[in-house]
């Protein structure tokens, strides 16, 4: 019998990542692990969580692809009866198929520039085929990285028809680019509810505040007026309810009475970059599972 090469023998190990959400009951782990073992699967990583408050069970397993005798389509076909027996919502992804990230941005470049750097350096395992903006200002930044840039102006709130057409164009470009996830990297527009509902769990936003505190505009000024001692940023999925989507990642930094609103904004930009990058990475690695209005993050 030929041994399956492990990570120490091969830096690049193609994996299948299986994620499962279902009603909690006895036998789920045994059924899934038994299926994998039955076909000779080599598990690299496994994590599980049972939520007593919702009665839901969450599971994430990474399997060395070459240890199994079938491709992703074959895995899905054979696993379907197991999933049906436990009423599973499940997904299988192949780490050799990079997810495609489309970025929305306005004028501020700090989050965008960080994502483009991480993408170019290989720190983020994805493709970024397209950046869409409601301003032309960041076109040079994007095109320097060899990424396509599209300018889609968004009219003000008084032009409902124009706004609807603009966001229809955003959705069209996302589909045309084969986007898997839409990232709002300081995109200073509110997405229409129908667009949010169209891509549940596939739109990620970075909010320059430690939500649920200081939602809406000018959060750092709000924090300054309240004399807070901690400021932070929140990466969350976008829903039709403004700034209330399931939270993926957050971080904070301690401040004091000597810090001005401008200094808070400078500190906040650093937090925003790191929080968005971490949240997006976990999403790309299928480590985030939705649990109603919350998330389970197998980081």
C-alpha atoms as a PDB file:
ATOM      1  CA  UNK A   1       0.000   0.000   0.000  1.00  0.00           C
ATOM      2  CA  UNK A   2       1.408   3.412  -0.968  1.00  0.00           C
ATOM      3  CA  UNK A   3       1.512   6.000   1.817  1.00  0.00           C
ATOM      4  CA  UNK A   4      -0.234   9.293   1.222  1.00  0.00           C
ATOM      5  CA  UNK A   5       2.310  12.152   1.343  1.00  0.00           C
ATOM      6  CA  UNK A   6       1.810  14.352   4.373  1.00  0.00           C
ATOM      7  CA  UNK A   7       2.566  18.053   4.801  1.00  0.00           C
ATOM      8  CA  UNK A   8       6.185  17.370   5.837  1.00  0.00           C
ATOM      9  CA  UNK A   9       6.857  15.644   2.494  1.00  0.00           C
ATOM     10  CA  UNK A  10       5.019  18.083   0.250  1.00  0.00           C
ATOM     11  CA  UNK A  11       4.605  21.779   0.943  1.00  0.00           C
ATOM     12  CA  UNK A  12       1.527  21.892  -1.260  1.00  0.00           C
ATOM     13  CA  UNK A  13      -1.186  19.511  -0.128  1.00  0.00           C
ATOM     14  CA  UNK A  14      -4.463  19.662  -2.007  1.00  0.00           C
ATOM     15  CA  UNK A  15      -7.349  19.325   0.449  1.00  0.00           C
ATOM     16  CA  UNK A  16     -11.095  18.974   0.381  1.00  0.00           C
ATOM     17  CA  UNK A  17     -12.807  21.059   3.053  1.00  0.00           C
ATOM     18  CA  UNK A  18     -16.181  19.769   4.207  1.00  0.00           C
ATOM     19  CA  UNK A  19     -18.409  22.051   6.293  1.00  0.00           C
ATOM     20  CA  UNK A  20     -21.644  20.868   7.866  1.00  0.00           C
ATOM     21  CA  UNK A  21     -24.501  22.547   9.710  1.00  0.00           C
ATOM     22  CA  UNK A  22     -27.455  20.486  10.917  1.00  0.00           C
ATOM     23  CA  UNK A  23     -29.778  19.789  13.835  1.00  0.00           C
ATOM     24  CA  UNK A  24     -27.710  18.365  16.690  1.00  0.00           C
ATOM     25  CA  UNK A  25     -28.147  14.663  17.459  1.00  0.00           C
ATOM     26  CA  UNK A  26     -26.120  11.589  18.325  1.00  0.00           C
ATOM     27  CA  UNK A  27     -24.058  10.026  15.543  1.00  0.00           C
ATOM     28  CA  UNK A  28     -23.178  12.960  13.287  1.00  0.00           C
ATOM     29  CA  UNK A  29     -19.414  12.829  13.816  1.00  0.00           C
ATOM     30  CA  UNK A  30     -19.392   9.045  13.583  1.00  0.00           C
ATOM     31  CA  UNK A  31     -21.293   9.143  10.288  1.00  0.00           C
ATOM     32  CA  UNK A  32     -19.052  11.769   8.690  1.00  0.00           C
ATOM     33  CA  UNK A  33     -15.752  10.391   9.952  1.00  0.00           C
ATOM     34  CA  UNK A  34     -16.907   6.866   9.128  1.00  0.00           C
ATOM     35  CA  UNK A  35     -17.652   7.906   5.544  1.00  0.00           C
ATOM     36  CA  UNK A  36     -14.192   9.429   5.184  1.00  0.00           C
ATOM     37  CA  UNK A  37     -12.451   6.446   6.798  1.00  0.00           C
ATOM     38  CA  UNK A  38     -14.413   3.971   4.686  1.00  0.00           C
ATOM     39  CA  UNK A  39     -12.887   5.530   1.575  1.00  0.00           C
ATOM     40  CA  UNK A  40      -9.350   5.810   2.983  1.00  0.00           C
ATOM     41  CA  UNK A  41      -9.511   9.538   3.674  1.00  0.00           C
ATOM     42  CA  UNK A  42      -6.652  11.142   5.614  1.00  0.00           C
ATOM     43  CA  UNK A  43      -7.994  13.882   7.923  1.00  0.00           C
ATOM     44  CA  UNK A  44      -5.635  16.827   8.443  1.00  0.00           C
ATOM     45  CA  UNK A  45      -7.860  19.005  10.622  1.00  0.00           C
ATOM     46  CA  UNK A  46     -11.261  18.680  12.270  1.00  0.00           C
ATOM     47  CA  UNK A  47     -13.341  20.998  14.461  1.00  0.00           C
ATOM     48  CA  UNK A  48     -16.874  20.776  15.777  1.00  0.00           C
ATOM     49  CA  UNK A  49     -19.316  22.734  17.912  1.00  0.00           C
ATOM     50  CA  UNK A  50     -22.738  21.988  19.312  1.00  0.00           C
ATOM     51  CA  UNK A  51     -24.817  25.029  20.210  1.00  0.00           C
ATOM     52  CA  UNK A  52     -27.091  24.193  23.127  1.00  0.00           C
ATOM     53  CA  UNK A  53     -29.096  27.406  22.702  1.00  0.00           C
ATOM     54  CA  UNK A  54     -30.100  26.696  19.089  1.00  0.00           C
ATOM     55  CA  UNK A  55     -29.791  22.910  18.948  1.00  0.00           C
ATOM     56  CA  UNK A  56     -27.547  23.209  15.909  1.00  0.00           C
ATOM     57  CA  UNK A  57     -24.330  21.311  15.212  1.00  0.00           C
ATOM     58  CA  UNK A  58     -21.349  22.648  13.237  1.00  0.00           C
ATOM     59  CA  UNK A  59     -18.478  20.668  11.740  1.00  0.00           C
ATOM     60  CA  UNK A  60     -15.438  21.434   9.577  1.00  0.00           C
ATOM     61  CA  UNK A  61     -13.070  18.743   8.298  1.00  0.00           C
ATOM     62  CA  UNK A  62     -10.045  18.972   5.996  1.00  0.00           C
ATOM     63  CA  UNK A  63      -9.108  15.799   4.103  1.00  0.00           C
ATOM     64  CA  UNK A  64      -6.076  15.199   1.878  1.00  0.00           C
ATOM     65  CA  UNK A  65      -7.631  15.059  -1.582  1.00  0.00           C
ATOM     66  CA  UNK A  66      -5.290  12.405  -2.968  1.00  0.00           C
ATOM     67  CA  UNK A  67      -6.165  10.033  -0.111  1.00  0.00           C
ATOM     68  CA  UNK A  68      -9.667   9.626  -1.525  1.00  0.00           C
ATOM     69  CA  UNK A  69     -10.536   7.566  -4.614  1.00  0.00           C
ATOM     70  CA  UNK A  70     -12.814  10.207  -6.151  1.00  0.00           C
ATOM     71  CA  UNK A  71     -12.888  13.847  -7.232  1.00  0.00           C
ATOM     72  CA  UNK A  72     -15.118  16.541  -5.652  1.00  0.00           C
ATOM     73  CA  UNK A  73     -18.090  15.546  -7.806  1.00  0.00           C
ATOM     74  CA  UNK A  74     -17.683  11.944  -6.718  1.00  0.00           C
ATOM     75  CA  UNK A  75     -17.398  12.996  -3.079  1.00  0.00           C
ATOM     76  CA  UNK A  76     -20.615  14.985  -3.316  1.00  0.00           C
ATOM     77  CA  UNK A  77     -22.479  12.139  -4.981  1.00  0.00           C
ATOM     78  CA  UNK A  78     -21.411   9.558  -2.406  1.00  0.00           C
ATOM     79  CA  UNK A  79     -21.804  11.817   0.616  1.00  0.00           C
ATOM     80  CA  UNK A  80     -25.317  12.997  -0.307  1.00  0.00           C
ATOM     81  CA  UNK A  81     -27.122  10.059   1.381  1.00  0.00           C
ATOM     82  CA  UNK A  82     -25.202  10.680   4.639  1.00  0.00           C
ATOM     83  CA  UNK A  83     -26.124  14.357   4.507  1.00  0.00           C
ATOM     84  CA  UNK A  84     -29.778  13.576   3.824  1.00  0.00           C
ATOM     85  CA  UNK A  85     -29.981  11.219   6.794  1.00  0.00           C
ATOM     86  CA  UNK A  86     -28.997  14.046   9.164  1.00  0.00           C
ATOM     87  CA  UNK A  87     -30.754  16.925   7.345  1.00  0.00           C
ATOM     88  CA  UNK A  88     -27.400  18.616   6.721  1.00  0.00           C
ATOM     89  CA  UNK A  89     -26.671  21.925   5.084  1.00  0.00           C
ATOM     90  CA  UNK A  90     -23.223  21.118   3.757  1.00  0.00           C
ATOM     91  CA  UNK A  91     -20.560  22.284   1.384  1.00  0.00           C
ATOM     92  CA  UNK A  92     -17.391  20.795  -0.079  1.00  0.00           C
ATOM     93  CA  UNK A  93     -14.608  22.983  -1.442  1.00  0.00           C
ATOM     94  CA  UNK A  94     -11.315  22.176  -3.147  1.00  0.00           C
ATOM     95  CA  UNK A  95      -8.274  24.146  -1.971  1.00  0.00           C
ATOM     96  CA  UNK A  96      -6.820  23.945  -5.484  1.00  0.00           C
ATOM     97  CA  UNK A  97      -9.721  26.082  -6.729  1.00  0.00           C
ATOM     98  CA  UNK A  98      -9.055  29.639  -5.564  1.00  0.00           C
ATOM     99  CA  UNK A  99     -12.083  31.671  -4.497  1.00  0.00           C
ATOM    100  CA  UNK A 100     -12.640  34.863  -6.449  1.00  0.00           C
ATOM    101  CA  UNK A 101     -12.895  38.082  -4.450  1.00  0.00           C
ATOM    102  CA  UNK A 102     -14.494  41.220  -5.911  1.00  0.00           C
ATOM    103  CA  UNK A 103     -13.768  44.369  -3.917  1.00  0.00           C
ATOM    104  CA  UNK A 104     -15.969  47.454  -3.567  1.00  0.00           C
ATOM    105  CA  UNK A 105     -14.237  50.648  -2.472  1.00  0.00           C
ATOM    106  CA  UNK A 106     -14.819  54.409  -2.417  1.00  0.00           C
ATOM    107  CA  UNK A 107     -11.987  56.907  -1.813  1.00  0.00           C
ATOM    108  CA  UNK A 108     -10.124  55.541   1.231  1.00  0.00           C
ATOM    109  CA  UNK A 109      -7.349  53.202   0.160  1.00  0.00           C
ATOM    110  CA  UNK A 110      -5.928  51.651   3.349  1.00  0.00           C
ATOM    111  CA  UNK A 111      -8.013  48.461   3.387  1.00  0.00           C
ATOM    112  CA  UNK A 112      -7.871  48.037  -0.389  1.00  0.00           C
ATOM    113  CA  UNK A 113      -4.091  48.536  -0.528  1.00  0.00           C
ATOM    114  CA  UNK A 114      -3.612  45.995   2.260  1.00  0.00           C
ATOM    115  CA  UNK A 115      -5.765  43.384   0.516  1.00  0.00           C
ATOM    116  CA  UNK A 116      -3.984  43.910  -2.801  1.00  0.00           C
ATOM    117  CA  UNK A 117      -0.597  43.537  -1.103  1.00  0.00           C
ATOM    118  CA  UNK A 118      -1.641  40.347   0.687  1.00  0.00           C
ATOM    119  CA  UNK A 119      -3.100  38.993  -2.549  1.00  0.00           C
ATOM    120  CA  UNK A 120       0.066  39.803  -4.507  1.00  0.00           C
ATOM    121  CA  UNK A 121       2.355  38.298  -1.861  1.00  0.00           C
ATOM    122  CA  UNK A 122       0.320  35.106  -1.612  1.00  0.00           C
ATOM    123  CA  UNK A 123      -0.735  35.823   1.962  1.00  0.00           C
ATOM    124  CA  UNK A 124      -4.375  35.587   0.870  1.00  0.00           C
ATOM    125  CA  UNK A 125      -5.139  32.421  -1.068  1.00  0.00           C
ATOM    126  CA  UNK A 126      -7.612  33.826  -3.587  1.00  0.00           C
ATOM    127  CA  UNK A 127      -7.988  35.625  -6.876  1.00  0.00           C
ATOM    128  CA  UNK A 128      -8.959  39.302  -7.076  1.00  0.00           C
ATOM    129  CA  UNK A 129     -10.194  39.735 -10.639  1.00  0.00           C
ATOM    130  CA  UNK A 130     -11.968  43.050 -10.142  1.00  0.00           C
ATOM    131  CA  UNK A 131     -12.279  46.182  -8.014  1.00  0.00           C
ATOM    132  CA  UNK A 132     -15.409  48.319  -8.391  1.00  0.00           C
ATOM    133  CA  UNK A 133     -15.612  51.885  -7.101  1.00  0.00           C
ATOM    134  CA  UNK A 134     -18.081  54.738  -7.098  1.00  0.00           C
ATOM    135  CA  UNK A 135     -15.091  57.091  -7.617  1.00  0.00           C
ATOM    136  CA  UNK A 136     -12.135  57.123 -10.024  1.00  0.00           C
ATOM    137  CA  UNK A 137      -9.581  58.072  -7.347  1.00  0.00           C
ATOM    138  CA  UNK A 138      -8.169  54.603  -6.686  1.00  0.00           C
ATOM    139  CA  UNK A 139      -7.889  53.385 -10.283  1.00  0.00           C
ATOM    140  CA  UNK A 140      -4.056  53.848 -10.351  1.00  0.00           C
ATOM    141  CA  UNK A 141      -3.656  51.883  -7.090  1.00  0.00           C
ATOM    142  CA  UNK A 142      -5.665  48.978  -8.479  1.00  0.00           C
ATOM    143  CA  UNK A 143      -4.199  48.874 -11.960  1.00  0.00           C
ATOM    144  CA  UNK A 144      -0.629  48.913 -10.582  1.00  0.00           C
ATOM    145  CA  UNK A 145      -1.439  45.473  -9.175  1.00  0.00           C
ATOM    146  CA  UNK A 146      -2.696  44.202 -12.535  1.00  0.00           C
ATOM    147  CA  UNK A 147      -6.304  44.057 -11.333  1.00  0.00           C
ATOM    148  CA  UNK A 148      -9.224  45.297 -13.434  1.00  0.00           C
ATOM    149  CA  UNK A 149     -10.953  48.481 -12.218  1.00  0.00           C
ATOM    150  CA  UNK A 150     -14.522  49.518 -12.998  1.00  0.00           C
ATOM    151  CA  UNK A 151     -16.059  52.870 -12.137  1.00  0.00           C
ATOM    152  CA  UNK A 152     -19.761  52.657 -11.271  1.00  0.00           C
ATOM    153  CA  UNK A 153     -21.047  56.047 -10.052  1.00  0.00           C
ATOM    154  CA  UNK A 154     -23.810  55.858  -7.448  1.00  0.00           C
ATOM    155  CA  UNK A 155     -26.311  58.761  -7.430  1.00  0.00           C
ATOM    156  CA  UNK A 156     -27.545  60.315  -4.209  1.00  0.00           C
ATOM    157  CA  UNK A 157     -30.569  59.076  -2.220  1.00  0.00           C
ATOM    158  CA  UNK A 158     -32.898  61.337  -4.192  1.00  0.00           C
ATOM    159  CA  UNK A 159     -32.348  59.354  -7.390  1.00  0.00           C
ATOM    160  CA  UNK A 160     -33.823  55.960  -6.515  1.00  0.00           C
ATOM    161  CA  UNK A 161     -33.872  54.777 -10.118  1.00  0.00           C
ATOM    162  CA  UNK A 162     -30.263  55.737 -10.688  1.00  0.00           C
ATOM    163  CA  UNK A 163     -29.148  53.992  -7.512  1.00  0.00           C
ATOM    164  CA  UNK A 164     -31.033  50.835  -8.450  1.00  0.00           C
ATOM    165  CA  UNK A 165     -29.356  50.831 -11.870  1.00  0.00           C
ATOM    166  CA  UNK A 166     -25.934  51.365 -10.296  1.00  0.00           C
ATOM    167  CA  UNK A 167     -26.271  48.435  -7.915  1.00  0.00           C
ATOM    168  CA  UNK A 168     -27.698  46.265 -10.682  1.00  0.00           C
ATOM    169  CA  UNK A 169     -24.484  46.996 -12.554  1.00  0.00           C
ATOM    170  CA  UNK A 170     -22.415  46.087  -9.484  1.00  0.00           C
ATOM    171  CA  UNK A 171     -24.240  42.740  -9.282  1.00  0.00           C
ATOM    172  CA  UNK A 172     -23.734  42.165 -13.010  1.00  0.00           C
ATOM    173  CA  UNK A 173     -19.997  42.838 -12.733  1.00  0.00           C
ATOM    174  CA  UNK A 174     -19.752  40.533  -9.720  1.00  0.00           C
ATOM    175  CA  UNK A 175     -21.408  37.714 -11.655  1.00  0.00           C
ATOM    176  CA  UNK A 176     -19.376  38.422 -14.782  1.00  0.00           C
ATOM    177  CA  UNK A 177     -16.156  38.196 -12.754  1.00  0.00           C
ATOM    178  CA  UNK A 178     -17.270  34.853 -11.316  1.00  0.00           C
ATOM    179  CA  UNK A 179     -17.162  36.318  -7.824  1.00  0.00           C
ATOM    180  CA  UNK A 180     -17.451  34.058  -4.804  1.00  0.00           C
ATOM    181  CA  UNK A 181     -17.355  36.822  -2.205  1.00  0.00           C
ATOM    182  CA  UNK A 182     -17.930  40.576  -2.350  1.00  0.00           C
ATOM    183  CA  UNK A 183     -15.751  42.625   0.024  1.00  0.00           C
ATOM    184  CA  UNK A 184     -16.661  46.164   1.050  1.00  0.00           C
ATOM    185  CA  UNK A 185     -13.245  47.690   1.768  1.00  0.00           C
ATOM    186  CA  UNK A 186     -14.532  51.020   3.088  1.00  0.00           C
ATOM    187  CA  UNK A 187     -17.232  51.288   0.427  1.00  0.00           C
ATOM    188  CA  UNK A 188     -19.211  54.247   1.656  1.00  0.00           C
ATOM    189  CA  UNK A 189     -22.549  53.235   0.218  1.00  0.00           C
ATOM    190  CA  UNK A 190     -25.449  51.298   1.725  1.00  0.00           C
ATOM    191  CA  UNK A 191     -26.244  48.233  -0.359  1.00  0.00           C
ATOM    192  CA  UNK A 192     -29.944  47.786  -1.236  1.00  0.00           C
ATOM    193  CA  UNK A 193     -31.767  45.021   0.660  1.00  0.00           C
ATOM    194  CA  UNK A 194     -32.404  42.935  -2.462  1.00  0.00           C
ATOM    195  CA  UNK A 195     -28.652  42.766  -3.192  1.00  0.00           C
ATOM    196  CA  UNK A 196     -27.925  41.708   0.408  1.00  0.00           C
ATOM    197  CA  UNK A 197     -30.558  38.980   0.231  1.00  0.00           C
ATOM    198  CA  UNK A 198     -29.217  37.786  -3.117  1.00  0.00           C
ATOM    199  CA  UNK A 199     -25.809  36.898  -1.629  1.00  0.00           C
ATOM    200  CA  UNK A 200     -26.322  35.769   1.989  1.00  0.00           C
ATOM    201  CA  UNK A 201     -23.031  35.024   3.710  1.00  0.00           C
ATOM    202  CA  UNK A 202     -21.116  36.208   0.641  1.00  0.00           C
ATOM    203  CA  UNK A 203     -20.775  39.944   1.316  1.00  0.00           C
ATOM    204  CA  UNK A 204     -18.166  41.015   3.868  1.00  0.00           C
ATOM    205  CA  UNK A 205     -17.872  44.517   5.298  1.00  0.00           C
ATOM    206  CA  UNK A 206     -15.300  46.212   7.503  1.00  0.00           C
ATOM    207  CA  UNK A 207     -16.965  48.628   9.888  1.00  0.00           C
ATOM    208  CA  UNK A 208     -14.786  51.273  11.492  1.00  0.00           C
ATOM    209  CA  UNK A 209     -16.292  50.687  14.914  1.00  0.00           C
ATOM    210  CA  UNK A 210     -16.560  47.984  17.541  1.00  0.00           C
ATOM    211  CA  UNK A 211     -20.140  47.044  16.697  1.00  0.00           C
ATOM    212  CA  UNK A 212     -22.792  47.235  18.027  1.00  0.00           C
ATOM    213  CA  UNK A 213     -21.375  50.432  19.565  1.00  0.00           C
ATOM    214  CA  UNK A 214     -21.169  53.566  17.420  1.00  0.00           C
ATOM    215  CA  UNK A 215     -22.917  52.284  14.327  1.00  0.00           C
ATOM    216  CA  UNK A 216     -23.510  54.624  11.414  1.00  0.00           C
ATOM    217  CA  UNK A 217     -21.429  57.642  10.415  1.00  0.00           C
ATOM    218  CA  UNK A 218     -18.364  59.186  12.122  1.00  0.00           C
ATOM    219  CA  UNK A 219     -17.869  56.445  14.761  1.00  0.00           C
ATOM    220  CA  UNK A 220     -14.457  57.737  15.851  1.00  0.00           C
ATOM    221  CA  UNK A 221     -15.924  61.151  16.566  1.00  0.00           C
ATOM    222  CA  UNK A 222     -18.747  59.447  18.466  1.00  0.00           C
ATOM    223  CA  UNK A 223     -16.161  57.498  20.465  1.00  0.00           C
ATOM    224  CA  UNK A 224     -14.171  60.657  21.182  1.00  0.00           C
ATOM    225  CA  UNK A 225     -17.251  62.478  22.477  1.00  0.00           C
ATOM    226  CA  UNK A 226     -18.039  59.556  24.795  1.00  0.00           C
ATOM    227  CA  UNK A 227     -14.470  59.413  26.104  1.00  0.00           C
ATOM    228  CA  UNK A 228     -14.068  55.701  25.411  1.00  0.00           C
ATOM    229  CA  UNK A 229     -10.873  53.900  26.424  1.00  0.00           C
ATOM    230  CA  UNK A 230     -11.021  51.246  23.712  1.00  0.00           C
ATOM    231  CA  UNK A 231     -11.705  51.628  19.996  1.00  0.00           C
ATOM    232  CA  UNK A 232     -12.010  48.844  17.496  1.00  0.00           C
ATOM    233  CA  UNK A 233     -13.186  47.542  14.151  1.00  0.00           C
ATOM    234  CA  UNK A 234     -15.643  44.855  13.096  1.00  0.00           C
ATOM    235  CA  UNK A 235     -15.640  42.503  10.106  1.00  0.00           C
ATOM    236  CA  UNK A 236     -19.141  41.205   9.491  1.00  0.00           C
ATOM    237  CA  UNK A 237     -21.430  39.760   6.864  1.00  0.00           C
ATOM    238  CA  UNK A 238     -23.759  42.270   5.260  1.00  0.00           C
ATOM    239  CA  UNK A 239     -27.510  41.865   5.649  1.00  0.00           C
ATOM    240  CA  UNK A 240     -30.464  44.083   4.832  1.00  0.00           C
ATOM    241  CA  UNK A 241     -30.244  45.446   8.399  1.00  0.00           C
ATOM    242  CA  UNK A 242     -27.549  48.129   8.391  1.00  0.00           C
ATOM    243  CA  UNK A 243     -24.461  47.204  10.463  1.00  0.00           C
ATOM    244  CA  UNK A 244     -26.277  44.280  12.111  1.00  0.00           C
ATOM    245  CA  UNK A 245     -25.015  41.297  10.106  1.00  0.00           C
ATOM    246  CA  UNK A 246     -23.309  38.296  11.739  1.00  0.00           C
ATOM    247  CA  UNK A 247     -19.901  39.250  13.113  1.00  0.00           C
ATOM    248  CA  UNK A 248     -16.844  37.384  11.799  1.00  0.00           C
ATOM    249  CA  UNK A 249     -13.968  39.135  13.595  1.00  0.00           C
ATOM    250  CA  UNK A 250     -13.262  42.119  15.843  1.00  0.00           C
ATOM    251  CA  UNK A 251     -10.276  43.753  17.517  1.00  0.00           C
ATOM    252  CA  UNK A 252      -9.607  46.723  19.771  1.00  0.00           C
ATOM    253  CA  UNK A 253      -6.818  49.108  20.772  1.00  0.00           C
ATOM    254  CA  UNK A 254      -6.483  50.974  24.063  1.00  0.00           C
ATOM    255  CA  UNK A 255      -6.544  54.778  23.860  1.00  0.00           C
ATOM    256  CA  UNK A 256      -6.632  57.603  26.409  1.00  0.00           C
ATOM    257  CA  UNK A 257      -7.725  61.180  26.961  1.00  0.00           C
ATOM    258  CA  UNK A 258      -4.775  62.621  25.011  1.00  0.00           C
ATOM    259  CA  UNK A 259      -5.872  61.095  21.706  1.00  0.00           C
ATOM    260  CA  UNK A 260      -7.668  63.403  19.281  1.00  0.00           C
ATOM    261  CA  UNK A 261     -10.342  62.234  16.819  1.00  0.00           C
ATOM    262  CA  UNK A 262      -7.690  62.346  14.082  1.00  0.00           C
ATOM    263  CA  UNK A 263      -5.403  60.066  16.102  1.00  0.00           C
ATOM    264  CA  UNK A 264      -8.286  57.717  16.736  1.00  0.00           C
ATOM    265  CA  UNK A 265      -8.872  57.530  12.990  1.00  0.00           C
ATOM    266  CA  UNK A 266      -5.186  56.737  12.369  1.00  0.00           C
ATOM    267  CA  UNK A 267      -5.199  53.985  14.987  1.00  0.00           C
ATOM    268  CA  UNK A 268      -8.537  52.761  13.676  1.00  0.00           C
ATOM    269  CA  UNK A 269      -7.222  52.380  10.130  1.00  0.00           C
ATOM    270  CA  UNK A 270      -4.550  49.983  11.391  1.00  0.00           C
ATOM    271  CA  UNK A 271      -7.168  47.897  13.208  1.00  0.00           C
ATOM    272  CA  UNK A 272      -9.468  47.887  10.179  1.00  0.00           C
ATOM    273  CA  UNK A 273      -6.754  46.483   7.920  1.00  0.00           C
ATOM    274  CA  UNK A 274      -5.878  43.577  10.169  1.00  0.00           C
ATOM    275  CA  UNK A 275      -9.460  42.733  11.136  1.00  0.00           C
ATOM    276  CA  UNK A 276     -10.647  42.678   7.511  1.00  0.00           C
ATOM    277  CA  UNK A 277      -7.693  40.550   6.406  1.00  0.00           C
ATOM    278  CA  UNK A 278      -8.274  38.008   9.196  1.00  0.00           C
ATOM    279  CA  UNK A 279     -12.013  37.843   8.601  1.00  0.00           C
ATOM    280  CA  UNK A 280     -11.597  37.427   4.853  1.00  0.00           C
ATOM    281  CA  UNK A 281      -8.930  34.751   5.284  1.00  0.00           C
ATOM    282  CA  UNK A 282     -11.194  32.728   7.581  1.00  0.00           C
ATOM    283  CA  UNK A 283     -14.033  33.061   5.071  1.00  0.00           C
ATOM    284  CA  UNK A 284     -11.787  31.925   2.215  1.00  0.00           C
ATOM    285  CA  UNK A 285     -10.703  28.909   4.263  1.00  0.00           C
ATOM    286  CA  UNK A 286     -14.343  27.971   5.011  1.00  0.00           C
ATOM    287  CA  UNK A 287     -13.806  28.543   8.726  1.00  0.00           C
ATOM    288  CA  UNK A 288     -16.937  30.670   9.233  1.00  0.00           C
ATOM    289  CA  UNK A 289     -20.353  29.035   9.537  1.00  0.00           C
ATOM    290  CA  UNK A 290     -23.546  31.003  10.006  1.00  0.00           C
ATOM    291  CA  UNK A 291     -25.550  30.362  13.153  1.00  0.00           C
ATOM    292  CA  UNK A 292     -28.633  32.549  12.750  1.00  0.00           C
ATOM    293  CA  UNK A 293     -27.531  36.101  13.528  1.00  0.00           C
ATOM    294  CA  UNK A 294     -24.196  34.856  14.843  1.00  0.00           C
ATOM    295  CA  UNK A 295     -21.233  32.919  13.493  1.00  0.00           C
ATOM    296  CA  UNK A 296     -19.199  29.893  14.457  1.00  0.00           C
ATOM    297  CA  UNK A 297     -15.552  30.578  13.580  1.00  0.00           C
ATOM    298  CA  UNK A 298     -13.141  27.641  13.544  1.00  0.00           C
ATOM    299  CA  UNK A 299     -10.021  29.822  13.507  1.00  0.00           C
END
